[in-house]
């Protein structure tokens, strides 16, 4: 498999991203080719630091970088030689199977949508973030790609999230919940009410509306919402996870007794910290584009970058996109066959 890494994206650029790439190549022998896209001099300098001369690496020079202040769609059109655009071009030409970027999320979505187009039957792509609970992990889709979603978009997200949950996370029949203000189907916005009507008769394992408290108290495997709500949920969860461990550390340091208790519980605390650590999850797939795009955290460390490349490899191995196309095709055929009877 061949993966293109935007080596200039994110908060820290080549130092963290190239280090993560080296880690991935040393651990994942099934990555046959890794394109490092960006300023060749900087990339070569970082590879030299790590003593890496792996012949699976190919540097693709790019002279521009999309800044966080750039507007997504205009940046793709104006900065045609940006590292993210050049990486997507490699996928478009079939030279790479996937792109991984920790850069400007909007630019990654825009470049992938413009250059790769969407899969047959998919109108808008959605970001599928994986979040942990005590008993499982769930797919949150959309986590920020499309804030002006229509009902059919959320229906498609539900199918795409279910495919990812089934084939990559290995849940046999993933449960699907729609984020709303209450359990009852009459509650919510006009958008969620319409989506509920579309999800209920579908072949998905739809359990109905779920409130925010259900995400962790009574978790499902696929959580469906528009990109605005999803991004707020994602950022809030990330913030709470960091804050909780800061509070815990502060309280444990108050007395000698608490310090001793913290020492005894250090393994349990470490396990939970690892479970909530974004670095372990690597990146979120942009589902629905005609190629594989993994969007990593802007503050990606080398470990997070390594795991983002792992997520890309898993999506390639499990043939996520062909499964999405097949699921959407079946749904459309079933819906079309039922239309005459409903008239």
Protein backbone atom coordinates (compact mmCIF):
# COMPACT_ATOMS: atom_id res chain seq x y z
CA UNK A 1 0.00 0.00 0.00
CA UNK A 2 1.07 3.55 -0.76
CA UNK A 3 0.35 6.55 1.47
CA UNK A 4 1.01 10.26 0.98
CA UNK A 5 1.80 12.29 4.12
CA UNK A 6 1.41 16.06 4.11
CA UNK A 7 4.73 16.72 5.86
CA UNK A 8 4.14 20.47 6.30
CA UNK A 9 0.74 20.49 8.02
CA UNK A 10 -0.14 20.83 11.68
CA UNK A 11 1.20 22.99 14.47
CA UNK A 12 4.73 21.57 14.41
CA UNK A 13 5.34 20.69 10.76
CA UNK A 14 8.16 18.40 9.57
CA UNK A 15 9.85 17.64 12.95
CA UNK A 16 6.85 15.78 14.38
CA UNK A 17 5.42 14.49 11.10
CA UNK A 18 8.65 13.07 9.71
CA UNK A 19 9.48 11.50 13.09
CA UNK A 20 6.05 9.84 13.07
CA UNK A 21 6.60 8.66 9.50
CA UNK A 22 9.88 7.02 10.50
CA UNK A 23 8.16 5.30 13.43
CA UNK A 24 5.41 4.01 11.13
CA UNK A 25 7.82 2.63 8.54
CA UNK A 26 9.77 0.79 11.23
CA UNK A 27 6.61 -0.78 12.68
CA UNK A 28 4.36 -1.28 9.64
CA UNK A 29 6.22 -3.27 7.01
CA UNK A 30 3.08 -3.54 4.88
CA UNK A 31 3.41 0.13 3.91
CA UNK A 32 5.18 -0.30 0.58
CA UNK A 33 5.61 3.38 -0.27
CA UNK A 34 5.39 6.56 1.78
CA UNK A 35 5.36 9.88 -0.04
CA UNK A 36 6.53 12.77 2.15
CA UNK A 37 5.09 15.90 0.57
CA UNK A 38 6.48 19.35 1.29
CA UNK A 39 9.70 21.32 1.34
CA UNK A 40 12.31 18.74 0.32
CA UNK A 41 15.20 20.42 2.17
CA UNK A 42 13.33 20.42 5.49
CA UNK A 43 12.13 16.84 5.02
CA UNK A 44 15.63 15.60 4.13
CA UNK A 45 17.07 17.34 7.19
CA UNK A 46 14.55 15.64 9.47
CA UNK A 47 15.18 12.22 7.91
CA UNK A 48 18.90 12.73 8.47
CA UNK A 49 18.28 13.49 12.15
CA UNK A 50 16.64 10.09 12.51
CA UNK A 51 19.24 8.28 10.43
CA UNK A 52 16.50 7.12 8.08
CA UNK A 53 17.32 6.15 4.51
CA UNK A 54 14.41 3.74 3.98
CA UNK A 55 13.97 3.14 0.26
CA UNK A 56 10.18 3.11 0.74
CA UNK A 57 10.27 6.89 1.21
CA UNK A 58 9.80 9.20 -1.75
CA UNK A 59 9.91 12.97 -1.27
CA UNK A 60 7.50 15.05 -3.35
CA UNK A 61 8.51 18.70 -3.31
CA UNK A 62 5.85 21.36 -2.68
CA UNK A 63 6.59 25.06 -2.39
CA UNK A 64 3.49 26.23 -0.52
CA UNK A 65 1.70 25.56 2.77
CA UNK A 66 -1.94 26.31 3.60
CA UNK A 67 -1.98 28.53 6.69
CA UNK A 68 -4.66 28.25 9.36
CA UNK A 69 -5.82 31.78 8.46
CA UNK A 70 -6.46 30.81 4.82
CA UNK A 71 -10.00 30.21 3.61
CA UNK A 72 -10.33 26.55 2.71
CA UNK A 73 -11.79 26.62 -0.79
CA UNK A 74 -9.84 29.67 -1.98
CA UNK A 75 -6.59 28.23 -0.58
CA UNK A 76 -7.01 25.10 -2.70
CA UNK A 77 -7.50 27.25 -5.81
CA UNK A 78 -4.77 29.81 -5.05
CA UNK A 79 -2.13 27.56 -3.53
CA UNK A 80 -2.01 24.85 -6.16
CA UNK A 81 1.49 23.83 -5.06
CA UNK A 82 0.60 23.44 -1.38
CA UNK A 83 1.65 20.25 0.37
CA UNK A 84 -1.95 19.15 1.01
CA UNK A 85 -2.96 19.71 -2.63
CA UNK A 86 0.06 17.86 -3.95
CA UNK A 87 -0.62 14.97 -1.59
CA UNK A 88 -4.24 14.72 -2.79
CA UNK A 89 -2.97 14.86 -6.39
CA UNK A 90 -0.96 11.70 -5.73
CA UNK A 91 -4.16 9.91 -4.73
CA UNK A 92 -6.04 11.35 -7.70
CA UNK A 93 -3.39 10.03 -10.12
CA UNK A 94 -3.40 6.60 -8.45
CA UNK A 95 0.19 6.91 -7.22
CA UNK A 96 -0.98 6.77 -3.60
CA UNK A 97 -3.89 4.95 -1.98
CA UNK A 98 -4.42 7.46 0.84
CA UNK A 99 -3.47 10.87 2.15
CA UNK A 100 -2.76 11.76 5.78
CA UNK A 101 -2.70 15.40 6.88
CA UNK A 102 -2.56 17.25 10.19
CA UNK A 103 -2.96 20.59 8.45
CA UNK A 104 -5.91 22.87 7.74
CA UNK A 105 -8.99 20.61 8.05
CA UNK A 106 -11.12 22.75 5.74
CA UNK A 107 -8.43 22.72 3.06
CA UNK A 108 -8.09 18.94 3.33
CA UNK A 109 -11.86 18.53 2.95
CA UNK A 110 -11.98 20.99 0.06
CA UNK A 111 -8.99 19.55 -1.79
CA UNK A 112 -10.26 15.98 -1.41
CA UNK A 113 -13.79 16.90 -2.50
CA UNK A 114 -12.69 18.99 -5.49
CA UNK A 115 -9.95 16.70 -6.76
CA UNK A 116 -11.22 13.24 -5.81
CA UNK A 117 -14.97 13.90 -5.97
CA UNK A 118 -17.43 11.94 -3.86
CA UNK A 119 -18.29 8.27 -4.09
CA UNK A 120 -21.35 7.23 -6.14
CA UNK A 121 -24.47 7.91 -4.09
CA UNK A 122 -22.70 10.26 -1.65
CA UNK A 123 -23.45 13.97 -1.79
CA UNK A 124 -21.19 15.31 0.96
CA UNK A 125 -18.26 13.71 2.80
CA UNK A 126 -18.21 13.50 6.59
CA UNK A 127 -15.42 13.27 9.15
CA UNK A 128 -15.67 10.12 11.27
CA UNK A 129 -14.02 10.66 14.65
CA UNK A 130 -13.56 7.67 16.96
CA UNK A 131 -14.26 8.34 20.65
CA UNK A 132 -13.91 5.98 23.65
CA UNK A 133 -16.43 5.02 26.32
CA UNK A 134 -16.08 2.61 29.24
CA UNK A 135 -17.40 -0.32 27.19
CA UNK A 136 -16.71 0.49 23.54
CA UNK A 137 -15.57 3.08 21.03
CA UNK A 138 -18.02 4.91 18.81
CA UNK A 139 -17.89 6.69 15.48
CA UNK A 140 -19.02 10.33 15.59
CA UNK A 141 -20.01 11.48 12.10
CA UNK A 142 -19.93 14.25 10.96
CA UNK A 143 -17.24 15.80 13.17
CA UNK A 144 -16.86 18.99 11.18
CA UNK A 145 -16.75 18.59 7.39
CA UNK A 146 -20.26 19.86 6.57
CA UNK A 147 -22.01 22.34 8.86
CA UNK A 148 -24.93 22.99 6.48
CA UNK A 149 -26.18 19.44 6.19
CA UNK A 150 -29.45 18.30 4.67
CA UNK A 151 -31.40 15.21 5.81
CA UNK A 152 -30.06 13.01 3.03
CA UNK A 153 -26.50 13.89 4.07
CA UNK A 154 -27.08 12.62 7.62
CA UNK A 155 -28.65 9.45 6.25
CA UNK A 156 -25.52 8.88 4.18
CA UNK A 157 -23.35 9.57 7.24
CA UNK A 158 -25.22 6.85 9.10
CA UNK A 159 -24.44 4.31 6.38
CA UNK A 160 -20.81 5.39 6.09
CA UNK A 161 -20.31 5.36 9.87
CA UNK A 162 -21.84 1.88 10.07
CA UNK A 163 -19.53 0.58 7.35
CA UNK A 164 -16.49 1.98 9.14
CA UNK A 165 -17.65 0.60 12.49
CA UNK A 166 -18.29 -2.85 11.00
CA UNK A 167 -15.21 -3.27 8.83
CA UNK A 168 -12.52 -1.31 10.69
CA UNK A 169 -13.69 -1.36 14.32
CA UNK A 170 -15.23 -4.85 13.91
CA UNK A 171 -18.69 -4.37 15.40
CA UNK A 172 -20.90 -6.97 13.70
CA UNK A 173 -24.14 -4.99 13.70
CA UNK A 174 -23.32 -1.47 14.96
CA UNK A 175 -26.10 0.44 16.66
CA UNK A 176 -26.86 3.90 15.26
CA UNK A 177 -28.15 6.89 17.22
CA UNK A 178 -29.21 10.34 16.00
CA UNK A 179 -28.18 13.28 18.20
CA UNK A 180 -31.24 15.25 19.27
CA UNK A 181 -32.83 17.00 22.27
CA UNK A 182 -34.80 14.02 23.51
CA UNK A 183 -35.56 10.33 22.96
CA UNK A 184 -38.94 10.94 21.33
CA UNK A 185 -39.09 11.22 17.55
CA UNK A 186 -41.17 14.41 17.81
CA UNK A 187 -38.33 16.26 19.53
CA UNK A 188 -35.47 18.09 17.85
CA UNK A 189 -35.05 20.40 14.89
CA UNK A 190 -36.80 20.04 11.57
CA UNK A 191 -33.56 18.51 10.30
CA UNK A 192 -33.38 15.79 12.97
CA UNK A 193 -37.10 15.01 12.70
CA UNK A 194 -36.77 14.44 8.96
CA UNK A 195 -33.61 12.35 9.37
CA UNK A 196 -35.39 10.20 11.99
CA UNK A 197 -38.12 9.41 9.45
CA UNK A 198 -35.48 8.33 6.93
CA UNK A 199 -33.40 6.25 9.36
CA UNK A 200 -36.26 4.37 11.02
CA UNK A 201 -37.28 2.21 7.99
CA UNK A 202 -33.69 1.74 6.78
CA UNK A 203 -31.71 -1.48 7.11
CA UNK A 204 -29.43 0.12 9.69
CA UNK A 205 -29.54 -0.91 13.35
CA UNK A 206 -31.13 2.42 14.28
CA UNK A 207 -32.02 2.79 17.98
CA UNK A 208 -33.56 6.26 17.70
CA UNK A 209 -32.67 9.67 19.07
CA UNK A 210 -29.93 10.02 21.65
CA UNK A 211 -29.11 12.94 23.90
CA UNK A 212 -25.64 14.13 24.80
CA UNK A 213 -25.70 12.15 28.07
CA UNK A 214 -26.23 8.92 26.14
CA UNK A 215 -22.84 9.21 24.44
CA UNK A 216 -21.11 7.78 27.51
CA UNK A 217 -23.93 6.54 29.78
CA UNK A 218 -25.68 4.33 27.22
CA UNK A 219 -23.35 4.34 24.22
CA UNK A 220 -24.11 3.30 20.67
CA UNK A 221 -21.50 2.45 18.03
CA UNK A 222 -22.39 5.17 15.49
CA UNK A 223 -23.45 8.70 16.48
CA UNK A 224 -24.96 10.76 13.64
CA UNK A 225 -25.17 14.55 13.56
CA UNK A 226 -24.36 17.53 11.35
CA UNK A 227 -20.82 18.90 11.27
CA UNK A 228 -21.55 21.87 13.51
CA UNK A 229 -22.92 19.75 16.36
CA UNK A 230 -20.30 17.05 15.81
CA UNK A 231 -17.36 19.42 15.97
CA UNK A 232 -18.68 20.97 19.20
CA UNK A 233 -19.07 17.48 20.72
CA UNK A 234 -15.56 16.47 19.62
CA UNK A 235 -13.80 19.59 20.90
CA UNK A 236 -15.76 19.49 24.17
CA UNK A 237 -14.82 15.85 24.78
CA UNK A 238 -11.15 16.58 24.07
CA UNK A 239 -11.18 19.52 26.48
CA UNK A 240 -12.93 17.59 29.26
CA UNK A 241 -10.45 14.71 28.98
CA UNK A 242 -7.50 17.07 29.43
CA UNK A 243 -9.21 19.02 32.23
CA UNK A 244 -10.17 15.90 34.20
CA UNK A 245 -6.58 14.69 34.44
CA UNK A 246 -5.39 18.17 35.43
CA UNK A 247 -8.02 18.26 38.20
CA UNK A 248 -7.12 14.74 39.30
CA UNK A 249 -3.41 15.56 39.47
CA UNK A 250 -4.13 18.74 41.44
CA UNK A 251 -6.29 16.90 43.98
CA UNK A 252 -3.88 13.98 44.38
CA UNK A 253 -1.06 16.36 45.25
CA UNK A 254 -2.96 17.98 48.14
CA UNK A 255 -1.96 15.52 50.89
CA UNK A 256 0.54 12.74 51.51
CA UNK A 257 -2.32 10.25 51.87
CA UNK A 258 -3.72 11.20 48.46
CA UNK A 259 -0.25 10.99 46.91
CA UNK A 260 0.09 7.46 48.26
CA UNK A 261 -3.33 6.53 46.89
CA UNK A 262 -2.43 8.01 43.52
CA UNK A 263 0.77 5.96 43.46
CA UNK A 264 -1.16 2.77 44.17
CA UNK A 265 -3.70 3.61 41.45
CA UNK A 266 -1.12 4.75 38.90
CA UNK A 267 -1.64 1.79 36.55
CA UNK A 268 -5.42 2.29 36.46
CA UNK A 269 -4.99 6.04 35.95
CA UNK A 270 -2.48 5.39 33.17
CA UNK A 271 -4.84 2.99 31.41
CA UNK A 272 -7.65 5.54 31.40
CA UNK A 273 -5.27 8.27 30.26
CA UNK A 274 -4.15 6.15 27.32
CA UNK A 275 -7.76 5.39 26.45
CA UNK A 276 -8.60 9.11 26.26
CA UNK A 277 -5.36 10.14 24.55
CA UNK A 278 -5.95 11.42 21.01
CA UNK A 279 -2.44 10.27 20.04
CA UNK A 280 -3.54 6.64 20.28
CA UNK A 281 -6.37 7.17 17.78
CA UNK A 282 -4.19 8.91 15.20
CA UNK A 283 -6.66 10.49 12.83
CA UNK A 284 -10.22 10.64 11.56
CA UNK A 285 -11.17 9.39 8.08
CA UNK A 286 -13.00 11.74 5.75
CA UNK A 287 -15.61 9.24 4.56
CA UNK A 288 -17.40 9.68 1.26
CA UNK A 289 -14.61 10.91 -1.02
CA UNK A 290 -13.34 8.76 -3.86
CA UNK A 291 -10.07 8.02 -2.12
CA UNK A 292 -8.87 7.74 1.46
CA UNK A 293 -8.17 10.90 3.42
CA UNK A 294 -7.18 10.79 7.09
CA UNK A 295 -7.35 14.04 9.03
CA UNK A 296 -5.00 14.06 12.02
CA UNK A 297 -5.02 16.42 15.00
CA UNK A 298 -3.35 19.77 14.38
CA UNK A 299 -1.09 19.22 17.40
CA UNK A 300 -0.08 15.73 16.25
CA UNK A 301 2.98 14.29 17.98
CA UNK A 302 5.18 11.68 16.31
CA UNK A 303 3.06 8.97 18.01
CA UNK A 304 -0.18 10.52 16.73
CA UNK A 305 1.30 10.73 13.23
CA UNK A 306 2.36 7.09 13.34
CA UNK A 307 -1.14 6.08 14.37
CA UNK A 308 -2.74 8.27 11.69
CA UNK A 309 -0.72 6.33 9.13
CA UNK A 310 -1.96 3.12 10.78
CA UNK A 311 -5.57 4.30 10.40
CA UNK A 312 -4.91 4.99 6.70
CA UNK A 313 -3.47 1.51 6.25
CA UNK A 314 -6.50 -0.06 7.97
CA UNK A 315 -8.90 1.81 5.70
CA UNK A 316 -6.99 0.59 2.65
CA UNK A 317 -6.88 -3.01 3.91
CA UNK A 318 -10.56 -3.18 4.81
CA UNK A 319 -11.70 -1.62 1.49
CA UNK A 320 -13.94 0.88 3.24
CA UNK A 321 -14.94 2.78 0.10
CA UNK A 322 -16.19 -0.21 -1.94
CA UNK A 323 -18.28 -1.27 1.08
CA UNK A 324 -19.79 2.22 1.33
CA UNK A 325 -20.69 2.24 -2.36
CA UNK A 326 -22.34 -1.18 -2.04
CA UNK A 327 -24.36 -0.20 1.06
CA UNK A 328 -25.63 3.00 -0.56
CA UNK A 329 -26.47 1.12 -3.77
CA UNK A 330 -28.56 -1.42 -1.85
CA UNK A 331 -30.39 1.31 0.04
CA UNK A 332 -31.19 3.25 -3.14
CA UNK A 333 -32.41 0.11 -4.92
CA UNK A 334 -34.61 -0.87 -1.98
CA UNK A 335 -36.05 2.64 -1.71
CA UNK A 336 -36.76 2.77 -5.44
CA UNK A 337 -38.57 -0.59 -5.35
CA UNK A 338 -40.80 0.56 -2.47
CA UNK A 339 -41.79 3.91 -4.02
CA UNK A 340 -44.61 2.52 -6.24
CA UNK A 341 -46.24 0.82 -3.25
CA UNK A 342 -46.09 4.02 -1.21
CA UNK A 343 -47.88 6.11 -3.83
